[in-house]
Amino acid sequence: MNKFLELITVPIAAGGQSRFELSGDYFEIIDSAYPVTVLLEDRNGAQIGRMSGAEASYFLRDTPYTAITIESAKAQTVRIAFGSGEAGTRRTAGVVQVVDGGRARTIAGAAFISTISQTSSASNFAHVQLWNPSGSGKNLILKSLFSTVAVSGVSNYRATNAPMAVLVSNGVSKRIGGGVSAAELRRDSLASGLATPILAGFFIQASAPVTYKLDEPLVIPPGQGLVNVSGVNGDAQSTFEWFEETI
């Protein structure tokens, strides 16, 4: 067999699999947003290699196969390398390489970012919300919060289990031209502010935005949301950054 190494990109639906009649002795996952299961078969259809919960940089070598099956619980695009036994990983032994999971999620269309605002009105509280509909089948994994106001005031982030009245849009993909998020951006102006516990709160000077990075991500399951509530007579504007995981 001639020495060779080839790379291909494999789209996989949630709960689906992709099978290829490809021969080689070496297999590696180059990029994947979520773990996958890999099955390698010989020319008789017998399973000779298996990787469960495999992620980017996982590989099998010296395993002669004629078929590859990749299974994924979540919708994503996986990039793989296959080749002869003399082929090898691009990673140097003894060097720790950090796999960019954020990049992989963006390429897979699972990462989103959106801005929403609600202007002030007399004696009212502005509300802007990232809402996860009850039938979405997704968890929203929130990574950061960004707030700004036109007039100095408070910005309190509160959990909620009810959607705001006005639907503005669905979340926008961080992969330009990608599909929209299951999550919704909503807003309202109410005579009283939402009274659920404050998860994060700030006093913000006018035109001096605040970014809050979460040490651990905030998970918003279906039927739940996160609302930024202004002070009375205040306006509210938030930028939410998150990715989705299929439940």
Protein backbone atom coordinates (compact mmCIF):
# COMPACT_ATOMS: atom_id res chain seq x y z
CA MET A 1 0.00 0.00 0.00
CA ASN A 2 1.30 3.46 -0.89
CA LYS A 3 1.82 5.81 1.99
CA PHE A 4 -0.99 8.34 2.19
CA LEU A 5 -3.01 10.57 4.50
CA GLU A 6 -6.35 12.16 3.56
CA LEU A 7 -8.73 14.50 5.38
CA ILE A 8 -12.50 14.67 4.88
CA THR A 9 -15.36 16.60 6.49
CA VAL A 10 -18.39 14.60 7.65
CA PRO A 11 -21.80 16.18 8.47
CA ILE A 12 -23.81 14.07 10.95
CA ALA A 13 -27.42 14.63 12.08
CA ALA A 14 -28.40 14.37 15.75
CA GLY A 15 -28.58 10.70 16.68
CA GLY A 16 -27.28 9.77 13.23
CA GLN A 17 -24.27 8.10 11.71
CA SER A 18 -22.09 8.27 8.61
CA ARG A 19 -20.45 5.19 7.07
CA PHE A 20 -17.61 5.11 4.57
CA GLU A 21 -16.02 2.27 2.61
CA LEU A 22 -12.44 3.50 3.14
CA SER A 23 -9.29 1.48 3.62
CA GLY A 24 -6.34 2.33 5.80
CA ASP A 25 -4.34 1.56 8.93
CA TYR A 26 -4.57 4.93 10.65
CA PHE A 27 -7.58 7.00 11.77
CA GLU A 28 -7.80 10.31 13.67
CA ILE A 29 -10.49 12.83 14.63
CA ILE A 30 -9.19 16.28 13.68
CA ASP A 31 -12.17 18.43 14.77
CA SER A 32 -15.45 17.66 16.55
CA ALA A 33 -17.68 19.91 18.62
CA TYR A 34 -19.11 16.98 20.62
CA PRO A 35 -17.96 13.41 21.41
CA VAL A 36 -18.54 10.68 18.81
CA THR A 37 -18.32 6.91 18.57
CA VAL A 38 -16.07 5.48 15.85
CA LEU A 39 -16.28 1.89 14.58
CA LEU A 40 -13.67 0.33 12.28
CA GLU A 41 -14.36 -2.89 10.35
CA ASP A 42 -12.15 -5.27 8.40
CA ARG A 43 -12.91 -6.71 4.94
CA ASN A 44 -15.07 -9.45 6.49
CA GLY A 45 -17.29 -6.94 8.31
CA ALA A 46 -15.83 -7.75 11.72
CA GLN A 47 -15.30 -4.88 14.15
CA ILE A 48 -11.56 -4.42 14.74
CA GLY A 49 -11.49 -0.97 16.29
CA ARG A 50 -13.77 1.17 18.43
CA MET A 51 -13.57 4.61 20.11
CA SER A 52 -16.43 5.68 22.40
CA GLY A 53 -16.84 9.30 23.53
CA ALA A 54 -14.00 10.25 21.22
CA GLU A 55 -13.07 13.90 20.69
CA ALA A 56 -10.60 15.88 18.58
CA SER A 57 -7.05 14.39 18.65
CA TYR A 58 -8.24 10.81 19.41
CA PHE A 59 -6.69 8.27 17.02
CA LEU A 60 -6.16 4.59 16.23
CA ARG A 61 -3.06 3.37 14.42
CA ASP A 62 -1.88 -0.02 13.12
CA THR A 63 -5.52 -1.09 12.71
CA PRO A 64 -6.13 -2.21 9.08
CA TYR A 65 -9.75 -1.44 8.21
CA THR A 66 -11.95 -1.23 5.11
CA ALA A 67 -14.97 0.61 6.58
CA ILE A 68 -15.47 3.52 9.01
CA THR A 69 -18.69 4.36 10.86
CA ILE A 70 -19.05 7.55 12.91
CA GLU A 71 -22.01 8.02 15.27
CA SER A 72 -23.00 11.26 17.04
CA ALA A 73 -25.73 12.02 19.58
CA LYS A 74 -25.65 15.69 18.54
CA ALA A 75 -25.82 17.34 15.14
CA GLN A 76 -22.36 18.46 14.08
CA THR A 77 -19.71 18.42 11.40
CA VAL A 78 -16.70 16.20 12.12
CA ARG A 79 -13.35 16.41 10.34
CA ILE A 80 -11.36 13.17 10.18
CA ALA A 81 -8.03 11.91 8.84
CA PHE A 82 -7.39 8.41 7.51
CA GLY A 83 -4.35 6.88 5.92
CA SER A 84 -1.75 4.17 5.75
CA GLY A 85 0.10 2.79 8.74
CA GLU A 86 3.05 5.02 7.93
CA ALA A 87 0.86 8.13 8.20
CA GLY A 88 0.75 9.97 11.49
CA THR A 89 -0.87 12.72 13.47
CA ARG A 90 0.04 16.36 12.85
CA ARG A 91 0.61 16.66 16.63
CA THR A 92 4.13 16.21 17.97
CA ALA A 93 4.54 13.62 20.74
CA GLY A 94 5.19 15.20 24.12
CA VAL A 95 3.60 18.52 23.16
CA VAL A 96 0.27 19.42 24.72
CA GLN A 97 -2.09 20.90 22.13
CA VAL A 98 -5.24 22.72 23.25
CA VAL A 99 -8.20 21.74 21.08
CA ASP A 100 -10.29 24.80 20.18
CA GLY A 101 -13.77 23.56 21.08
CA GLY A 102 -15.26 27.02 20.55
CA ARG A 103 -14.08 27.09 16.94
CA ALA A 104 -15.47 23.60 16.37
CA ARG A 105 -18.87 24.57 17.81
CA THR A 106 -19.02 27.66 15.60
CA ILE A 107 -18.18 25.63 12.49
CA ALA A 108 -20.84 23.08 13.50
CA GLY A 109 -23.43 25.89 13.72
CA ALA A 110 -23.98 25.45 17.47
CA ALA A 111 -22.65 28.85 18.69
CA PHE A 112 -24.65 32.07 18.78
CA ILE A 113 -24.48 35.75 19.73
CA SER A 114 -27.19 38.44 19.76
CA THR A 115 -27.92 41.91 21.10
CA ILE A 116 -31.33 43.15 22.25
CA SER A 117 -32.49 46.45 23.78
CA GLN A 118 -35.58 48.02 25.35
CA THR A 119 -35.87 51.80 25.64
CA SER A 120 -36.99 53.50 28.84
CA SER A 121 -40.55 54.66 29.46
CA ALA A 122 -42.00 56.76 32.29
CA SER A 123 -42.29 54.88 35.62
CA ASN A 124 -41.61 51.55 33.92
CA PHE A 125 -38.84 48.94 34.07
CA ALA A 126 -37.20 47.78 30.84
CA HIS A 127 -36.76 44.01 30.38
CA VAL A 128 -34.68 42.16 27.77
CA GLN A 129 -34.60 38.37 27.72
CA LEU A 130 -32.81 35.35 26.33
CA TRP A 131 -35.59 32.74 26.29
CA ASN A 132 -35.33 28.99 25.67
CA PRO A 133 -38.74 27.73 24.40
CA SER A 134 -40.13 24.67 26.17
CA GLY A 135 -40.07 22.55 23.00
CA SER A 136 -36.55 23.47 21.85
CA GLY A 137 -34.91 20.17 22.82
CA LYS A 138 -31.76 22.18 23.62
CA ASN A 139 -29.84 23.48 26.60
CA LEU A 140 -28.41 26.98 26.21
CA ILE A 141 -24.87 27.22 27.61
CA LEU A 142 -24.26 30.89 28.39
CA LYS A 143 -20.63 32.03 28.46
CA SER A 144 -20.77 35.78 29.08
CA LEU A 145 -23.03 38.78 29.74
CA PHE A 146 -22.62 42.25 28.27
CA SER A 147 -24.66 45.27 29.43
CA THR A 148 -24.84 48.91 28.46
CA VAL A 149 -27.22 51.81 29.16
CA ALA A 150 -27.83 55.27 27.70
CA VAL A 151 -28.45 56.76 31.16
CA SER A 152 -26.60 55.58 34.28
CA GLY A 153 -28.56 52.91 36.12
CA VAL A 154 -28.80 49.30 37.29
CA SER A 155 -28.67 46.11 35.25
CA ASN A 156 -29.92 43.04 37.13
CA TYR A 157 -29.94 39.59 35.55
CA ARG A 158 -32.72 37.36 36.85
CA ALA A 159 -33.90 33.83 36.07
CA THR A 160 -37.44 33.42 34.78
CA ASN A 161 -39.79 30.64 33.65
CA ALA A 162 -42.05 32.84 31.51
CA PRO A 163 -41.36 34.58 28.19
CA MET A 164 -41.47 38.35 27.80
CA ALA A 165 -44.35 39.59 25.62
CA VAL A 166 -42.47 40.89 22.56
CA LEU A 167 -40.52 38.45 20.37
CA VAL A 168 -37.76 40.34 18.54
CA SER A 169 -35.84 37.53 16.82
CA ASN A 170 -34.15 34.18 17.26
CA GLY A 171 -30.46 34.08 18.12
CA VAL A 172 -27.93 34.69 15.35
CA SER A 173 -25.29 32.12 14.42
CA LYS A 174 -21.61 32.98 15.00
CA ARG A 175 -21.00 31.23 11.71
CA ILE A 176 -22.01 33.96 9.29
CA GLY A 177 -24.89 32.76 7.15
CA GLY A 178 -25.61 29.86 9.50
CA GLY A 179 -29.05 28.84 10.79
CA VAL A 180 -30.75 30.66 13.65
CA SER A 181 -30.79 29.49 17.24
CA ALA A 182 -33.67 27.72 18.96
CA ALA A 183 -33.42 30.50 21.55
CA GLU A 184 -35.47 33.69 21.32
CA LEU A 185 -34.64 37.33 22.09
CA ARG A 186 -37.62 38.99 23.80
CA ARG A 187 -38.39 42.29 25.54
CA ASP A 188 -41.04 44.27 27.41
CA SER A 189 -41.58 47.43 29.47
CA LEU A 190 -43.49 46.78 32.70
CA ALA A 191 -44.83 48.80 35.61
CA SER A 192 -42.91 46.58 38.05
CA GLY A 193 -39.60 44.80 37.66
CA LEU A 194 -39.27 41.03 37.66
CA ALA A 195 -38.82 39.94 41.28
CA THR A 196 -37.01 36.60 40.96
CA PRO A 197 -33.53 36.24 42.56
CA ILE A 198 -30.73 38.31 41.03
CA LEU A 199 -28.03 36.12 39.46
CA ALA A 200 -25.77 39.03 38.53
CA GLY A 201 -26.23 42.75 39.08
CA PHE A 202 -24.35 45.91 38.10
CA PHE A 203 -24.58 49.67 38.36
CA ILE A 204 -23.54 50.95 34.96
CA GLN A 205 -22.38 54.42 34.03
CA ALA A 206 -23.91 55.85 30.86
CA SER A 207 -22.16 54.58 27.70
CA ALA A 208 -19.68 52.57 29.82
CA PRO A 209 -20.51 48.93 29.01
CA VAL A 210 -19.86 46.09 31.43
CA THR A 211 -18.81 42.59 30.36
CA TYR A 212 -19.18 39.74 32.86
CA LYS A 213 -17.32 36.49 32.11
CA LEU A 214 -18.73 33.45 33.90
CA ASP A 215 -16.23 31.15 35.66
CA GLU A 216 -18.64 28.29 35.00
CA PRO A 217 -21.24 28.56 32.24
CA LEU A 218 -24.88 29.29 33.02
CA VAL A 219 -27.21 26.58 31.68
CA ILE A 220 -30.69 27.61 30.52
CA PRO A 221 -32.90 24.53 29.95
CA PRO A 222 -36.11 24.53 27.88
CA GLY A 223 -38.92 26.58 29.42
CA GLN A 224 -36.48 28.88 31.21
CA GLY A 225 -34.88 32.23 30.46
CA LEU A 226 -32.54 34.97 31.63
CA VAL A 227 -33.80 38.55 31.87
CA ASN A 228 -31.89 41.82 32.24
CA VAL A 229 -34.09 44.22 34.24
CA SER A 230 -33.34 47.95 34.40
CA GLY A 231 -34.13 50.35 37.22
CA VAL A 232 -37.32 52.41 37.03
CA ASN A 233 -37.27 54.82 34.06
CA GLY A 234 -34.17 53.03 32.77
CA ASP A 235 -33.34 51.42 29.46
CA ALA A 236 -31.77 47.98 29.03
CA GLN A 237 -29.44 46.51 26.44
CA SER A 238 -27.69 43.14 26.58
CA THR A 239 -25.48 41.04 24.37
CA PHE A 240 -25.74 37.31 25.05
CA GLU A 241 -23.15 34.78 23.88
CA TRP A 242 -23.99 31.09 24.08
CA PHE A 243 -23.93 27.69 22.42
CA GLU A 244 -26.55 24.96 22.25
CA GLU A 245 -26.44 21.30 23.25
CA THR A 246 -29.09 18.82 22.19
CA ILE A 247 -30.75 17.16 25.19
